[in-house]
């Protein structure tokens, strides 16, 4: 049951982060740095964080 909660938490975190990042992508004026560096980096970091949330060994709370 704890594993299912971790998966739901990580998927909801990932969905929220990607939704906000896509909104940022389409609502900022064209900028090479934002579109080619910052937004892809943030997407990778949110995916990495969601992966670690899903695979936590000792969940305290």
N, C-alpha and C. Protein backbone atom coordinates (compact mmCIF):
# COMPACT_ATOMS: atom_id res chain seq x y z
N UNK A 1 0.81 -1.18 0.00
CA UNK A 1 0.00 0.00 0.00
C UNK A 1 0.87 1.27 0.00
N UNK A 2 1.98 1.24 0.71
CA UNK A 2 2.87 2.40 0.77
C UNK A 2 3.47 2.67 -0.61
N UNK A 3 3.75 1.59 -1.36
CA UNK A 3 4.32 1.75 -2.69
C UNK A 3 3.33 2.42 -3.62
N UNK A 4 2.06 2.07 -3.51
CA UNK A 4 1.02 2.68 -4.32
C UNK A 4 0.89 4.17 -4.00
N UNK A 5 0.98 4.52 -2.71
CA UNK A 5 0.92 5.93 -2.32
C UNK A 5 2.11 6.70 -2.88
N UNK A 6 3.28 6.09 -2.86
CA UNK A 6 4.46 6.75 -3.42
C UNK A 6 4.32 6.98 -4.92
N UNK A 7 3.76 5.98 -5.64
CA UNK A 7 3.54 6.14 -7.07
C UNK A 7 2.53 7.24 -7.35
N UNK A 8 1.44 7.29 -6.59
CA UNK A 8 0.45 8.34 -6.80
C UNK A 8 1.02 9.72 -6.50
N UNK A 9 1.80 9.82 -5.44
CA UNK A 9 2.44 11.09 -5.10
C UNK A 9 3.40 11.52 -6.19
N UNK A 10 4.21 10.60 -6.68
CA UNK A 10 5.19 10.97 -7.71
C UNK A 10 4.51 11.32 -9.03
N UNK A 11 3.46 10.59 -9.39
CA UNK A 11 2.76 10.90 -10.64
C UNK A 11 2.02 12.23 -10.56
N UNK A 12 1.44 12.53 -9.42
CA UNK A 12 0.75 13.81 -9.29
C UNK A 12 1.76 14.96 -9.29
N UNK A 13 2.90 14.78 -8.64
CA UNK A 13 3.96 15.79 -8.65
C UNK A 13 4.46 16.01 -10.07
N UNK A 14 4.68 14.92 -10.79
CA UNK A 14 5.17 15.00 -12.15
C UNK A 14 4.15 15.69 -13.06
N UNK A 15 2.88 15.33 -12.94
CA UNK A 15 1.84 15.95 -13.78
C UNK A 15 1.71 17.44 -13.49
N UNK A 16 1.73 17.81 -12.23
CA UNK A 16 1.63 19.22 -11.88
C UNK A 16 2.84 20.00 -12.39
N UNK A 17 4.01 19.46 -12.22
CA UNK A 17 5.23 20.14 -12.67
C UNK A 17 5.24 20.31 -14.18
N UNK A 18 4.91 19.27 -14.91
CA UNK A 18 4.92 19.35 -16.37
C UNK A 18 3.84 20.29 -16.88
N UNK A 19 2.69 20.30 -16.22
CA UNK A 19 1.63 21.24 -16.62
C UNK A 19 2.09 22.67 -16.45
N UNK A 20 2.70 22.96 -15.31
CA UNK A 20 3.21 24.32 -15.08
C UNK A 20 4.34 24.68 -16.05
N UNK A 21 5.20 23.72 -16.35
CA UNK A 21 6.30 24.01 -17.26
C UNK A 21 5.81 24.21 -18.69
N UNK A 22 4.83 23.44 -19.12
CA UNK A 22 4.27 23.64 -20.46
C UNK A 22 3.55 24.98 -20.55
N UNK A 23 2.87 25.35 -19.47
CA UNK A 23 2.22 26.66 -19.44
C UNK A 23 3.28 27.76 -19.56
N UNK A 24 4.37 27.60 -18.84
CA UNK A 24 5.46 28.56 -18.92
C UNK A 24 6.02 28.62 -20.34
N UNK A 25 6.17 27.48 -20.97
CA UNK A 25 6.71 27.42 -22.31
C UNK A 25 5.86 28.20 -23.30
N UNK A 26 4.55 28.09 -23.21
CA UNK A 26 3.69 28.73 -24.18
C UNK A 26 3.28 30.14 -23.79
N UNK A 27 3.60 30.60 -22.59
CA UNK A 27 3.20 31.94 -22.17
C UNK A 27 4.36 32.91 -22.01
N UNK A 28 5.56 32.48 -22.30
CA UNK A 28 6.69 33.42 -22.26
C UNK A 28 7.00 33.84 -23.69
N UNK A 29 7.57 35.00 -23.82
CA UNK A 29 7.94 35.43 -25.16
C UNK A 29 9.13 34.60 -25.63
N UNK A 30 9.30 34.45 -26.93
CA UNK A 30 10.37 33.60 -27.45
C UNK A 30 11.75 34.01 -26.92
N UNK A 31 12.41 33.04 -26.34
CA UNK A 31 13.72 33.26 -25.75
C UNK A 31 14.50 31.97 -25.92
N UNK A 32 15.65 32.04 -26.56
CA UNK A 32 16.43 30.84 -26.84
C UNK A 32 16.84 30.13 -25.55
N UNK A 33 17.30 30.87 -24.56
CA UNK A 33 17.73 30.26 -23.31
C UNK A 33 16.58 29.52 -22.62
N UNK A 34 15.42 30.17 -22.53
CA UNK A 34 14.28 29.56 -21.83
C UNK A 34 13.81 28.30 -22.53
N UNK A 35 13.70 28.35 -23.84
CA UNK A 35 13.12 27.22 -24.56
C UNK A 35 14.09 26.08 -24.82
N UNK A 36 15.37 26.38 -24.93
CA UNK A 36 16.33 25.31 -25.24
C UNK A 36 17.15 24.83 -24.05
N UNK A 37 17.20 25.62 -22.96
CA UNK A 37 18.02 25.23 -21.81
C UNK A 37 17.19 25.08 -20.55
N UNK A 38 16.51 26.14 -20.15
CA UNK A 38 15.85 26.14 -18.84
C UNK A 38 14.68 25.17 -18.77
N UNK A 39 13.77 25.23 -19.73
CA UNK A 39 12.57 24.39 -19.65
C UNK A 39 12.92 22.90 -19.80
N UNK A 40 13.76 22.49 -20.76
CA UNK A 40 14.13 21.06 -20.79
C UNK A 40 14.86 20.60 -19.53
N UNK A 41 15.70 21.46 -18.96
CA UNK A 41 16.39 21.09 -17.72
C UNK A 41 15.39 20.89 -16.59
N UNK A 42 14.43 21.79 -16.47
CA UNK A 42 13.42 21.65 -15.44
C UNK A 42 12.58 20.40 -15.63
N UNK A 43 12.28 20.06 -16.88
CA UNK A 43 11.55 18.82 -17.14
C UNK A 43 12.34 17.59 -16.70
N UNK A 44 13.64 17.59 -16.99
CA UNK A 44 14.47 16.45 -16.57
C UNK A 44 14.57 16.37 -15.05
N UNK A 45 14.73 17.51 -14.39
CA UNK A 45 14.83 17.49 -12.93
C UNK A 45 13.53 17.05 -12.27
N UNK A 46 12.38 17.44 -12.82
CA UNK A 46 11.12 16.99 -12.23
C UNK A 46 10.93 15.49 -12.44
N UNK A 47 11.34 14.99 -13.60
CA UNK A 47 11.27 13.55 -13.83
C UNK A 47 12.17 12.78 -12.88
N UNK A 48 13.36 13.29 -12.66
CA UNK A 48 14.31 12.68 -11.74
C UNK A 48 13.75 12.68 -10.31
N UNK A 49 13.15 13.80 -9.91
CA UNK A 49 12.56 13.88 -8.57
C UNK A 49 11.39 12.93 -8.42
N UNK A 50 10.56 12.85 -9.43
CA UNK A 50 9.42 11.93 -9.38
C UNK A 50 9.89 10.48 -9.31
N UNK A 51 10.96 10.16 -10.02
CA UNK A 51 11.51 8.81 -9.95
C UNK A 51 11.96 8.48 -8.53
N UNK A 52 12.65 9.42 -7.89
CA UNK A 52 13.11 9.18 -6.53
C UNK A 52 11.96 9.11 -5.53
N UNK A 53 10.92 9.88 -5.75
CA UNK A 53 9.74 9.78 -4.88
C UNK A 53 9.10 8.40 -5.00
N UNK A 54 9.05 7.89 -6.21
CA UNK A 54 8.41 6.60 -6.44
C UNK A 54 9.23 5.45 -5.88
N UNK A 55 10.52 5.62 -5.73
CA UNK A 55 11.39 4.52 -5.30
C UNK A 55 12.02 4.77 -3.92
N UNK A 56 11.32 5.53 -3.09
CA UNK A 56 11.84 5.74 -1.73
C UNK A 56 11.80 4.43 -0.95
N UNK A 57 12.86 4.15 -0.26
CA UNK A 57 12.92 2.90 0.51
C UNK A 57 12.28 3.04 1.87
N UNK A 58 12.59 4.11 2.58
CA UNK A 58 12.05 4.27 3.93
C UNK A 58 11.26 5.57 4.02
N UNK A 59 10.00 5.47 3.72
CA UNK A 59 9.12 6.64 3.78
C UNK A 59 8.78 6.90 5.24
N UNK A 60 9.05 8.10 5.68
CA UNK A 60 8.86 8.40 7.09
C UNK A 60 7.42 8.76 7.41
N UNK A 61 6.70 9.41 6.48
CA UNK A 61 5.36 9.92 6.81
C UNK A 61 4.30 9.34 5.90
